[in-house]
C-alpha atoms as a PDB file:
ATOM      1  CA  VAL A   1       0.000   0.000   0.000  1.00  0.00           C
ATOM      2  CA  VAL A   2       2.768   2.450   0.955  1.00  0.00           C
ATOM      3  CA  LEU A   3       4.899   1.579  -2.087  1.00  0.00           C
ATOM      4  CA  ASN A   4       1.908   2.106  -4.370  1.00  0.00           C
ATOM      5  CA  ALA A   5       1.117   5.433  -2.710  1.00  0.00           C
ATOM      6  CA  ALA A   6       4.725   6.550  -3.183  1.00  0.00           C
ATOM      7  CA  ALA A   7       4.632   5.571  -6.869  1.00  0.00           C
ATOM      8  CA  LEU A   8       1.378   7.488  -7.340  1.00  0.00           C
ATOM      9  CA  ALA A   9       2.741  10.549  -5.544  1.00  0.00           C
ATOM     10  CA  GLU A  10       5.878  10.542  -7.704  1.00  0.00           C
ATOM     11  CA  ALA A  11       3.804  10.224 -10.895  1.00  0.00           C
ATOM     12  CA  LEU A  12       1.521  13.083  -9.868  1.00  0.00           C
ATOM     13  CA  ALA A  13       4.478  15.334  -9.061  1.00  0.00           C
ATOM     14  CA  ALA A  14       6.203  14.399 -12.326  1.00  0.00           C
ATOM     15  CA  GLY A  15       2.980  15.255 -14.149  1.00  0.00           C
ATOM     16  CA  GLY A  16       2.876  18.760 -12.694  1.00  0.00           C
ATOM     17  CA  LEU A  17       0.726  18.507  -9.574  1.00  0.00           C
ATOM     18  CA  ASP A  18       1.873  20.042  -6.298  1.00  0.00           C
ATOM     19  CA  LEU A  19       1.555  17.696  -3.334  1.00  0.00           C
ATOM     20  CA  VAL A  20       1.095  18.957   0.198  1.00  0.00           C
ATOM     21  CA  SER A  21       4.236  17.972   2.134  1.00  0.00           C
ATOM     22  CA  GLY A  22       5.950  17.142  -1.166  1.00  0.00           C
ATOM     23  CA  GLY A  23       4.746  13.530  -1.333  1.00  0.00           C
ATOM     24  CA  THR A  24       3.518  10.873   1.044  1.00  0.00           C
ATOM     25  CA  ASP A  25       4.766   8.667   3.855  1.00  0.00           C
ATOM     26  CA  ASN A  26       1.601   6.605   4.121  1.00  0.00           C
ATOM     27  CA  HIS A  27      -1.367   5.426   2.033  1.00  0.00           C
ATOM     28  CA  MET A  28      -2.694   8.816   0.917  1.00  0.00           C
ATOM     29  CA  MET A  29      -1.697  12.164  -0.514  1.00  0.00           C
ATOM     30  CA  LEU A  30      -3.201  15.597  -1.012  1.00  0.00           C
ATOM     31  CA  ALA A  31      -2.751  17.498  -4.270  1.00  0.00           C
ATOM     32  CA  ASP A  32      -2.790  21.291  -3.966  1.00  0.00           C
ATOM     33  CA  LEU A  33      -4.611  22.803  -6.968  1.00  0.00           C
ATOM     34  CA  ARG A  34      -4.314  26.480  -5.984  1.00  0.00           C
ATOM     35  CA  LYS A  35      -1.870  27.287  -8.797  1.00  0.00           C
ATOM     36  CA  LEU A  36      -4.252  25.771 -11.350  1.00  0.00           C
ATOM     37  CA  ASP A  37      -7.561  26.922 -12.751  1.00  0.00           C
ATOM     38  CA  ILE A  38      -9.525  24.028 -11.250  1.00  0.00           C
ATOM     39  CA  SER A  39     -11.156  23.374  -7.896  1.00  0.00           C
ATOM     40  CA  GLY A  40     -11.093  20.147  -5.943  1.00  0.00           C
ATOM     41  CA  LYS A  41     -14.803  19.751  -6.621  1.00  0.00           C
ATOM     42  CA  GLU A  42     -14.326  20.082 -10.385  1.00  0.00           C
ATOM     43  CA  LEU A  43     -11.433  17.612 -10.471  1.00  0.00           C
ATOM     44  CA  GLU A  44     -13.364  15.166  -8.303  1.00  0.00           C
ATOM     45  CA  THR A  45     -16.251  15.381 -10.803  1.00  0.00           C
ATOM     46  CA  ARG A  46     -13.946  14.909 -13.797  1.00  0.00           C
ATOM     47  CA  LEU A  47     -12.253  11.901 -12.228  1.00  0.00           C
ATOM     48  CA  ASP A  48     -15.573  10.365 -11.231  1.00  0.00           C
ATOM     49  CA  SER A  49     -16.767  10.618 -14.842  1.00  0.00           C
ATOM     50  CA  VAL A  50     -13.807   8.461 -15.942  1.00  0.00           C
ATOM     51  CA  ARG A  51     -14.177   5.981 -13.071  1.00  0.00           C
ATOM     52  CA  ILE A  52     -11.354   7.234 -10.855  1.00  0.00           C
ATOM     53  CA  THR A  53     -12.452   7.797  -7.270  1.00  0.00           C
ATOM     54  CA  ALA A  54     -11.021  10.761  -5.380  1.00  0.00           C
ATOM     55  CA  ASN A  55     -12.278  13.282  -2.854  1.00  0.00           C
ATOM     56  CA  LYS A  56     -12.156  17.045  -2.905  1.00  0.00           C
ATOM     57  CA  ASN A  57     -10.310  18.193   0.177  1.00  0.00           C
ATOM     58  CA  ALA A  58      -9.222  21.457   1.721  1.00  0.00           C
ATOM     59  CA  VAL A  59      -5.516  22.272   1.705  1.00  0.00           C
ATOM     60  CA  PRO A  60      -3.676  24.269   4.381  1.00  0.00           C
ATOM     61  CA  ALA A  61      -4.749  27.952   4.234  1.00  0.00           C
ATOM     62  CA  ASP A  62      -7.388  27.096   1.616  1.00  0.00           C
ATOM     63  CA  THR A  63      -9.173  30.160   0.254  1.00  0.00           C
ATOM     64  CA  ARG A  64     -11.998  28.226  -1.407  1.00  0.00           C
ATOM     65  CA  SER A  65     -15.127  27.184   0.437  1.00  0.00           C
ATOM     66  CA  PRO A  66     -15.462  23.679   1.891  1.00  0.00           C
ATOM     67  CA  LYS A  67     -17.945  22.939  -0.914  1.00  0.00           C
ATOM     68  CA  GLU A  68     -15.326  23.727  -3.591  1.00  0.00           C
ATOM     69  CA  THR A  69     -11.885  23.213  -1.974  1.00  0.00           C
ATOM     70  CA  SER A  70      -8.469  23.716  -3.527  1.00  0.00           C
ATOM     71  CA  GLY A  71      -7.285  20.151  -3.169  1.00  0.00           C
ATOM     72  CA  ILE A  72      -7.932  16.540  -4.055  1.00  0.00           C
ATOM     73  CA  ARG A  73      -7.197  13.590  -1.767  1.00  0.00           C
ATOM     74  CA  LEU A  74      -6.000  10.326  -3.303  1.00  0.00           C
ATOM     75  CA  GLY A  75      -5.011   6.991  -1.827  1.00  0.00           C
ATOM     76  CA  SER A  76      -3.797   3.527  -2.684  1.00  0.00           C
ATOM     77  CA  PRO A  77      -5.562   0.947  -0.446  1.00  0.00           C
ATOM     78  CA  ALA A  78      -8.499   0.086  -2.725  1.00  0.00           C
ATOM     79  CA  VAL A  79      -6.452  -0.428  -5.889  1.00  0.00           C
ATOM     80  CA  THR A  80      -3.717  -2.230  -3.974  1.00  0.00           C
ATOM     81  CA  THR A  81      -6.359  -4.661  -2.727  1.00  0.00           C
ATOM     82  CA  ARG A  82      -7.319  -5.249  -6.355  1.00  0.00           C
ATOM     83  CA  GLY A  83      -3.713  -6.130  -7.186  1.00  0.00           C
ATOM     84  CA  PHE A  84      -2.289  -2.922  -8.659  1.00  0.00           C
ATOM     85  CA  LYS A  85       1.507  -2.612  -8.440  1.00  0.00           C
ATOM     86  CA  GLU A  86       3.811   0.417  -8.658  1.00  0.00           C
ATOM     87  CA  ALA A  87       3.848   0.493 -12.481  1.00  0.00           C
ATOM     88  CA  ASP A  88       0.054   0.549 -12.499  1.00  0.00           C
ATOM     89  CA  MET A  89       0.088   3.440 -10.030  1.00  0.00           C
ATOM     90  CA  VAL A  90       2.338   5.400 -12.371  1.00  0.00           C
ATOM     91  CA  GLU A  91      -0.299   4.937 -15.070  1.00  0.00           C
ATOM     92  CA  VAL A  92      -3.048   6.032 -12.672  1.00  0.00           C
ATOM     93  CA  GLY A  93      -0.996   9.141 -11.880  1.00  0.00           C
ATOM     94  CA  GLU A  94      -0.613   9.900 -15.575  1.00  0.00           C
ATOM     95  CA  LEU A  95      -4.366   9.562 -16.059  1.00  0.00           C
ATOM     96  CA  ILE A  96      -5.112  11.872 -13.141  1.00  0.00           C
ATOM     97  CA  CYS A  97      -2.734  14.462 -14.610  1.00  0.00           C
ATOM     98  CA  LYS A  98      -4.434  14.160 -18.015  1.00  0.00           C
ATOM     99  CA  ALA A  99      -7.785  14.738 -16.307  1.00  0.00           C
ATOM    100  CA  THR A 100      -6.332  17.779 -14.573  1.00  0.00           C
ATOM    101  CA  PHE A 101      -4.550  19.447 -17.468  1.00  0.00           C
ATOM    102  CA  ASP A 102      -6.181  18.178 -20.689  1.00  0.00           C
ATOM    103  CA  PHE A 103      -9.540  16.667 -19.809  1.00  0.00           C
ATOM    104  CA  GLU A 104     -11.668  17.618 -22.799  1.00  0.00           C
ATOM    105  CA  SER A 105      -9.368  16.165 -25.438  1.00  0.00           C
ATOM    106  CA  SER A 106      -8.260  13.198 -23.285  1.00  0.00           C
ATOM    107  CA  ARG A 107     -11.525  12.064 -21.690  1.00  0.00           C
ATOM    108  CA  GLU A 108     -12.137   9.055 -23.958  1.00  0.00           C
ATOM    109  CA  GLU A 109      -8.491   7.941 -23.759  1.00  0.00           C
ATOM    110  CA  ILE A 110      -8.561   8.189 -19.962  1.00  0.00           C
ATOM    111  CA  LEU A 111     -11.773   6.177 -19.724  1.00  0.00           C
ATOM    112  CA  SER A 112     -10.415   3.524 -22.081  1.00  0.00           C
ATOM    113  CA  ARG A 113      -7.206   3.140 -20.103  1.00  0.00           C
ATOM    114  CA  VAL A 114      -9.090   3.026 -16.788  1.00  0.00           C
ATOM    115  CA  ASN A 115     -11.341   0.302 -18.184  1.00  0.00           C
ATOM    116  CA  ALA A 116      -8.284  -1.664 -19.339  1.00  0.00           C
ATOM    117  CA  LEU A 117      -6.688  -1.417 -15.897  1.00  0.00           C
ATOM    118  CA  CYS A 118      -9.886  -2.491 -14.166  1.00  0.00           C
ATOM    119  CA  SER A 119     -10.258  -5.409 -16.560  1.00  0.00           C
ATOM    120  CA  ARG A 120      -6.773  -6.605 -15.631  1.00  0.00           C
ATOM    121  CA  PHE A 121      -7.629  -6.408 -11.943  1.00  0.00           C
ATOM    122  CA  PRO A 122     -11.278  -7.454 -11.518  1.00  0.00           C
ATOM    123  CA  ILE A 123     -12.925  -7.103  -8.126  1.00  0.00           C
ATOM    124  CA  TYR A 124     -14.503 -10.537  -8.446  1.00  0.00           C
ATOM    125  CA  ALA A 125     -12.919 -13.448 -10.293  1.00  0.00           C
END
């Protein structure tokens, strides 16, 4: 779980997202979206539409309301339970960055790649 979270955090940072505390030491991380033109609520909605679960979350000294937020919280336990490994988490990070920075032109690609990942790691055999 921790190795997968670290791989995801590194992929998100490499893709241009700022992480609170610079990364993660546990199973979750918080991306700070204040430098971008997107709220936590909007990114949560985008990710949900391509079957990636995340939660909007306030960041330290957040100026947006609790209904909007300036952050997104991500974690690794659920996908690790499914069998995802570090390389898969790098792909998830890439997809989250695409949803953040280029959603309109990448939406179908993101959804296709998410479906492929989920097919490789079914919840029920």
